[in-house]
Amino acid sequence: MSKLTRQQIERQDFVDNQIFELMQKFCPSSKQIEWDIEAIGAIRDAIRGKIVSKKIMSEVEFYP
């Protein structure tokens, strides 16, 4: 398996962080959620599926 480039890692971080921020926005302001990569991954997979199926971008473009 080849190593990811810095740009690919930055893209992964961007996507995961945006999903986490979205999760936080859905929570009541008095609640704080912890980083949960399993939940983030499930949401990421759902978003990726829609974006790829609608041919907006490829799977690798969305999340290398």
PDB file of N, CA and C in Angstrom:
ATOM      1  N   MET A   1       0.847  -1.181   0.000  1.00  0.00           N
ATOM      2  CA  MET A   1       0.000   0.000   0.000  1.00  0.00           C
ATOM      3  C   MET A   1       0.894   1.246   0.000  1.00  0.00           C
ATOM      4  N   SER A   2       0.590   2.185  -0.881  1.00  0.00           N
ATOM      5  CA  SER A   2       1.406   3.394  -0.956  1.00  0.00           C
ATOM      6  C   SER A   2       1.003   4.380   0.136  1.00  0.00           C
ATOM      7  N   LYS A   3       1.952   5.211   0.505  1.00  0.00           N
ATOM      8  CA  LYS A   3       1.700   6.223   1.535  1.00  0.00           C
ATOM      9  C   LYS A   3       0.858   7.353   0.950  1.00  0.00           C
ATOM     10  N   LEU A   4       0.055   7.922   1.804  1.00  0.00           N
ATOM     11  CA  LEU A   4      -0.737   9.078   1.399  1.00  0.00           C
ATOM     12  C   LEU A   4       0.153  10.308   1.331  1.00  0.00           C
ATOM     13  N   THR A   5      -0.174  11.203   0.421  1.00  0.00           N
ATOM     14  CA  THR A   5       0.554  12.464   0.339  1.00  0.00           C
ATOM     15  C   THR A   5       0.067  13.391   1.446  1.00  0.00           C
ATOM     16  N   ARG A   6       0.814  14.431   1.682  1.00  0.00           N
ATOM     17  CA  ARG A   6       0.410  15.430   2.677  1.00  0.00           C
ATOM     18  C   ARG A   6      -0.947  16.023   2.314  1.00  0.00           C
ATOM     19  N   GLN A   7      -1.159  16.273   1.033  1.00  0.00           N
ATOM     20  CA  GLN A   7      -2.429  16.841   0.571  1.00  0.00           C
ATOM     21  C   GLN A   7      -3.587  15.868   0.827  1.00  0.00           C
ATOM     22  N   GLN A   8      -3.366  14.575   0.618  1.00  0.00           N
ATOM     23  CA  GLN A   8      -4.411  13.584   0.871  1.00  0.00           C
ATOM     24  C   GLN A   8      -4.735  13.487   2.364  1.00  0.00           C
ATOM     25  N   ILE A   9      -3.716  13.537   3.190  1.00  0.00           N
ATOM     26  CA  ILE A   9      -3.925  13.503   4.641  1.00  0.00           C
ATOM     27  C   ILE A   9      -4.687  14.744   5.090  1.00  0.00           C
ATOM     28  N   GLU A  10      -4.332  15.893   4.529  1.00  0.00           N
ATOM     29  CA  GLU A  10      -5.034  17.131   4.859  1.00  0.00           C
ATOM     30  C   GLU A  10      -6.502  17.045   4.444  1.00  0.00           C
ATOM     31  N   ARG A  11      -6.779  16.413   3.311  1.00  0.00           N
ATOM     32  CA  ARG A  11      -8.163  16.252   2.855  1.00  0.00           C
ATOM     33  C   ARG A  11      -8.929  15.358   3.825  1.00  0.00           C
ATOM     34  N   GLN A  12      -8.321  14.252   4.252  1.00  0.00           N
ATOM     35  CA  GLN A  12      -8.969  13.364   5.213  1.00  0.00           C
ATOM     36  C   GLN A  12      -9.266  14.106   6.520  1.00  0.00           C
ATOM     37  N   ASP A  13      -8.296  14.854   7.004  1.00  0.00           N
ATOM     38  CA  ASP A  13      -8.489  15.628   8.231  1.00  0.00           C
ATOM     39  C   ASP A  13      -9.617  16.639   8.065  1.00  0.00           C
ATOM     40  N   PHE A  14      -9.648  17.311   6.915  1.00  0.00           N
ATOM     41  CA  PHE A  14     -10.687  18.297   6.645  1.00  0.00           C
ATOM     42  C   PHE A  14     -12.071  17.656   6.692  1.00  0.00           C
ATOM     43  N   VAL A  15     -12.245  16.546   5.990  1.00  0.00           N
ATOM     44  CA  VAL A  15     -13.539  15.874   5.934  1.00  0.00           C
ATOM     45  C   VAL A  15     -13.966  15.426   7.334  1.00  0.00           C
ATOM     46  N   ASP A  16     -13.069  14.744   8.047  1.00  0.00           N
ATOM     47  CA  ASP A  16     -13.404  14.255   9.384  1.00  0.00           C
ATOM     48  C   ASP A  16     -13.736  15.401  10.342  1.00  0.00           C
ATOM     49  N   ASN A  17     -12.979  16.475  10.280  1.00  0.00           N
ATOM     50  CA  ASN A  17     -13.234  17.622  11.157  1.00  0.00           C
ATOM     51  C   ASN A  17     -14.555  18.309  10.825  1.00  0.00           C
ATOM     52  N   GLN A  18     -14.887  18.413   9.547  1.00  0.00           N
ATOM     53  CA  GLN A  18     -16.158  19.027   9.152  1.00  0.00           C
ATOM     54  C   GLN A  18     -17.334  18.195   9.644  1.00  0.00           C
ATOM     55  N   ILE A  19     -17.219  16.882   9.554  1.00  0.00           N
ATOM     56  CA  ILE A  19     -18.285  16.004  10.046  1.00  0.00           C
ATOM     57  C   ILE A  19     -18.426  16.141  11.558  1.00  0.00           C
ATOM     58  N   PHE A  20     -17.308  16.185  12.266  1.00  0.00           N
ATOM     59  CA  PHE A  20     -17.360  16.341  13.718  1.00  0.00           C
ATOM     60  C   PHE A  20     -18.017  17.670  14.094  1.00  0.00           C
ATOM     61  N   GLU A  21     -17.684  18.729  13.392  1.00  0.00           N
ATOM     62  CA  GLU A  21     -18.307  20.032  13.651  1.00  0.00           C
ATOM     63  C   GLU A  21     -19.813  19.978  13.400  1.00  0.00           C
ATOM     64  N   LEU A  22     -20.223  19.284  12.350  1.00  0.00           N
ATOM     65  CA  LEU A  22     -21.646  19.137  12.066  1.00  0.00           C
ATOM     66  C   LEU A  22     -22.340  18.384  13.194  1.00  0.00           C
ATOM     67  N   MET A  23     -21.714  17.314  13.670  1.00  0.00           N
ATOM     68  CA  MET A  23     -22.275  16.561  14.791  1.00  0.00           C
ATOM     69  C   MET A  23     -22.443  17.460  16.009  1.00  0.00           C
ATOM     70  N   GLN A  24     -21.449  18.305  16.276  1.00  0.00           N
ATOM     71  CA  GLN A  24     -21.518  19.206  17.421  1.00  0.00           C
ATOM     72  C   GLN A  24     -22.662  20.206  17.270  1.00  0.00           C
ATOM     73  N   LYS A  25     -22.910  20.664  16.054  1.00  0.00           N
ATOM     74  CA  LYS A  25     -23.973  21.646  15.827  1.00  0.00           C
ATOM     75  C   LYS A  25     -25.353  21.063  16.089  1.00  0.00           C
ATOM     76  N   PHE A  26     -25.496  19.757  15.931  1.00  0.00           N
ATOM     77  CA  PHE A  26     -26.777  19.115  16.181  1.00  0.00           C
ATOM     78  C   PHE A  26     -27.029  18.869  17.659  1.00  0.00           C
ATOM     79  N   CYS A  27     -26.005  18.940  18.472  1.00  0.00           N
ATOM     80  CA  CYS A  27     -26.144  18.703  19.910  1.00  0.00           C
ATOM     81  C   CYS A  27     -26.636  19.963  20.610  1.00  0.00           C
ATOM     82  N   PRO A  28     -27.385  19.786  21.689  1.00  0.00           N
ATOM     83  CA  PRO A  28     -27.775  20.961  22.485  1.00  0.00           C
ATOM     84  C   PRO A  28     -26.515  21.713  22.938  1.00  0.00           C
ATOM     85  N   SER A  29     -26.643  23.007  23.081  1.00  0.00           N
ATOM     86  CA  SER A  29     -25.473  23.817  23.430  1.00  0.00           C
ATOM     87  C   SER A  29     -24.881  23.436  24.782  1.00  0.00           C
ATOM     88  N   SER A  30     -25.660  22.808  25.634  1.00  0.00           N
ATOM     89  CA  SER A  30     -25.153  22.421  26.948  1.00  0.00           C
ATOM     90  C   SER A  30     -24.404  21.093  26.913  1.00  0.00           C
ATOM     91  N   LYS A  31     -24.467  20.398  25.799  1.00  0.00           N
ATOM     92  CA  LYS A  31     -23.810  19.092  25.675  1.00  0.00           C
ATOM     93  C   LYS A  31     -22.527  19.220  24.858  1.00  0.00           C
ATOM     94  N   GLN A  32     -21.531  18.484  25.270  1.00  0.00           N
ATOM     95  CA  GLN A  32     -20.255  18.435  24.560  1.00  0.00           C
ATOM     96  C   GLN A  32     -20.048  16.984  24.126  1.00  0.00           C
ATOM     97  N   ILE A  33     -19.765  16.746  22.855  1.00  0.00           N
ATOM     98  CA  ILE A  33     -19.521  15.382  22.419  1.00  0.00           C
ATOM     99  C   ILE A  33     -18.022  15.152  22.273  1.00  0.00           C
ATOM    100  N   GLU A  34     -17.634  13.918  22.425  1.00  0.00           N
ATOM    101  CA  GLU A  34     -16.231  13.557  22.265  1.00  0.00           C
ATOM    102  C   GLU A  34     -16.006  13.043  20.859  1.00  0.00           C
ATOM    103  N   TRP A  35     -14.752  13.146  20.411  1.00  0.00           N
ATOM    104  CA  TRP A  35     -14.359  12.647  19.102  1.00  0.00           C
ATOM    105  C   TRP A  35     -14.661  11.153  19.052  1.00  0.00           C
ATOM    106  N   ASP A  36     -15.414  10.734  18.046  1.00  0.00           N
ATOM    107  CA  ASP A  36     -15.785   9.326  17.889  1.00  0.00           C
ATOM    108  C   ASP A  36     -15.600   8.960  16.421  1.00  0.00           C
ATOM    109  N   ILE A  37     -14.444   8.390  16.096  1.00  0.00           N
ATOM    110  CA  ILE A  37     -14.109   8.119  14.704  1.00  0.00           C
ATOM    111  C   ILE A  37     -15.059   7.087  14.098  1.00  0.00           C
ATOM    112  N   GLU A  38     -15.645   6.207  14.904  1.00  0.00           N
ATOM    113  CA  GLU A  38     -16.607   5.246  14.360  1.00  0.00           C
ATOM    114  C   GLU A  38     -17.856   5.965  13.863  1.00  0.00           C
ATOM    115  N   ALA A  39     -18.368   6.892  14.647  1.00  0.00           N
ATOM    116  CA  ALA A  39     -19.541   7.668  14.235  1.00  0.00           C
ATOM    117  C   ALA A  39     -19.195   8.561  13.047  1.00  0.00           C
ATOM    118  N   ILE A  40     -18.040   9.199  13.116  1.00  0.00           N
ATOM    119  CA  ILE A  40     -17.596  10.056  12.013  1.00  0.00           C
ATOM    120  C   ILE A  40     -17.467   9.226  10.742  1.00  0.00           C
ATOM    121  N   GLY A  41     -16.895   8.041  10.853  1.00  0.00           N
ATOM    122  CA  GLY A  41     -16.719   7.169   9.692  1.00  0.00           C
ATOM    123  C   GLY A  41     -18.045   6.736   9.088  1.00  0.00           C
ATOM    124  N   ALA A  42     -19.034   6.438   9.922  1.00  0.00           N
ATOM    125  CA  ALA A  42     -20.348   6.035   9.419  1.00  0.00           C
ATOM    126  C   ALA A  42     -21.006   7.172   8.648  1.00  0.00           C
ATOM    127  N   ILE A  43     -20.909   8.376   9.186  1.00  0.00           N
ATOM    128  CA  ILE A  43     -21.474   9.549   8.512  1.00  0.00           C
ATOM    129  C   ILE A  43     -20.702   9.829   7.228  1.00  0.00           C
ATOM    130  N   ARG A  44     -19.388   9.738   7.303  1.00  0.00           N
ATOM    131  CA  ARG A  44     -18.531   9.954   6.126  1.00  0.00           C
ATOM    132  C   ARG A  44     -18.903   8.981   5.013  1.00  0.00           C
ATOM    133  N   ASP A  45     -19.113   7.709   5.356  1.00  0.00           N
ATOM    134  CA  ASP A  45     -19.466   6.712   4.353  1.00  0.00           C
ATOM    135  C   ASP A  45     -20.797   7.036   3.684  1.00  0.00           C
ATOM    136  N   ALA A  46     -21.763   7.499   4.470  1.00  0.00           N
ATOM    137  CA  ALA A  46     -23.068   7.855   3.910  1.00  0.00           C
ATOM    138  C   ALA A  46     -22.949   9.051   2.966  1.00  0.00           C
ATOM    139  N   ILE A  47     -22.205  10.058   3.382  1.00  0.00           N
ATOM    140  CA  ILE A  47     -22.013  11.241   2.538  1.00  0.00           C
ATOM    141  C   ILE A  47     -21.262  10.871   1.273  1.00  0.00           C
ATOM    142  N   ARG A  48     -20.182  10.099   1.433  1.00  0.00           N
ATOM    143  CA  ARG A  48     -19.384   9.678   0.278  1.00  0.00           C
ATOM    144  C   ARG A  48     -20.252   8.905  -0.705  1.00  0.00           C
ATOM    145  N   GLY A  49     -21.103   8.009  -0.209  1.00  0.00           N
ATOM    146  CA  GLY A  49     -21.967   7.235  -1.089  1.00  0.00           C
ATOM    147  C   GLY A  49     -22.852   8.106  -1.952  1.00  0.00           C
ATOM    148  N   LYS A  50     -23.438   9.133  -1.362  1.00  0.00           N
ATOM    149  CA  LYS A  50     -24.312  10.040  -2.122  1.00  0.00           C
ATOM    150  C   LYS A  50     -23.523  10.870  -3.124  1.00  0.00           C
ATOM    151  N   ILE A  51     -22.392  11.395  -2.691  1.00  0.00           N
ATOM    152  CA  ILE A  51     -21.583  12.242  -3.576  1.00  0.00           C
ATOM    153  C   ILE A  51     -21.060  11.439  -4.766  1.00  0.00           C
ATOM    154  N   VAL A  52     -20.604  10.224  -4.511  1.00  0.00           N
ATOM    155  CA  VAL A  52     -20.063   9.388  -5.582  1.00  0.00           C
ATOM    156  C   VAL A  52     -21.178   8.914  -6.510  1.00  0.00           C
ATOM    157  N   SER A  53     -22.315   8.507  -5.955  1.00  0.00           N
ATOM    158  CA  SER A  53     -23.411   8.008  -6.798  1.00  0.00           C
ATOM    159  C   SER A  53     -23.990   9.105  -7.695  1.00  0.00           C
ATOM    160  N   LYS A  54     -23.913  10.340  -7.238  1.00  0.00           N
ATOM    161  CA  LYS A  54     -24.396  11.464  -8.050  1.00  0.00           C
ATOM    162  C   LYS A  54     -23.300  12.010  -8.964  1.00  0.00           C
ATOM    163  N   LYS A  55     -22.138  11.344  -8.949  1.00  0.00           N
ATOM    164  CA  LYS A  55     -21.000  11.693  -9.798  1.00  0.00           C
ATOM    165  C   LYS A  55     -20.527  13.132  -9.609  1.00  0.00           C
ATOM    166  N   ILE A  56     -20.610  13.610  -8.362  1.00  0.00           N
ATOM    167  CA  ILE A  56     -20.118  14.946  -8.024  1.00  0.00           C
ATOM    168  C   ILE A  56     -18.604  14.914  -7.926  1.00  0.00           C
ATOM    169  N   MET A  57     -18.081  13.847  -7.348  1.00  0.00           N
ATOM    170  CA  MET A  57     -16.640  13.614  -7.291  1.00  0.00           C
ATOM    171  C   MET A  57     -16.411  12.123  -7.101  1.00  0.00           C
ATOM    172  N   SER A  58     -15.189  11.694  -7.355  1.00  0.00           N
ATOM    173  CA  SER A  58     -14.869  10.282  -7.167  1.00  0.00           C
ATOM    174  C   SER A  58     -14.660   9.995  -5.682  1.00  0.00           C
ATOM    175  N   GLU A  59     -14.651   8.712  -5.357  1.00  0.00           N
ATOM    176  CA  GLU A  59     -14.434   8.300  -3.978  1.00  0.00           C
ATOM    177  C   GLU A  59     -13.091   8.818  -3.470  1.00  0.00           C
ATOM    178  N   VAL A  60     -12.071   8.722  -4.289  1.00  0.00           N
ATOM    179  CA  VAL A  60     -10.723   9.160  -3.896  1.00  0.00           C
ATOM    180  C   VAL A  60     -10.651  10.682  -3.780  1.00  0.00           C
ATOM    181  N   GLU A  61     -11.377  11.389  -4.613  1.00  0.00           N
ATOM    182  CA  GLU A  61     -11.389  12.845  -4.490  1.00  0.00           C
ATOM    183  C   GLU A  61     -12.045  13.264  -3.182  1.00  0.00           C
ATOM    184  N   PHE A  62     -13.121  12.561  -2.807  1.00  0.00           N
ATOM    185  CA  PHE A  62     -13.826  12.913  -1.577  1.00  0.00           C
ATOM    186  C   PHE A  62     -12.990  12.576  -0.361  1.00  0.00           C
ATOM    187  N   TYR A  63     -12.491  11.344  -0.309  1.00  0.00           N
ATOM    188  CA  TYR A  63     -11.723  10.894   0.861  1.00  0.00           C
ATOM    189  C   TYR A  63     -10.657   9.913   0.399  1.00  0.00           C
ATOM    190  N   PRO A  64      -9.450  10.433   0.164  1.00  0.00           N
ATOM    191  CA  PRO A  64      -8.371   9.579  -0.363  1.00  0.00           C
ATOM    192  C   PRO A  64      -8.019   8.415   0.540  1.00  0.00           C
TER     193      PRO A  64
END
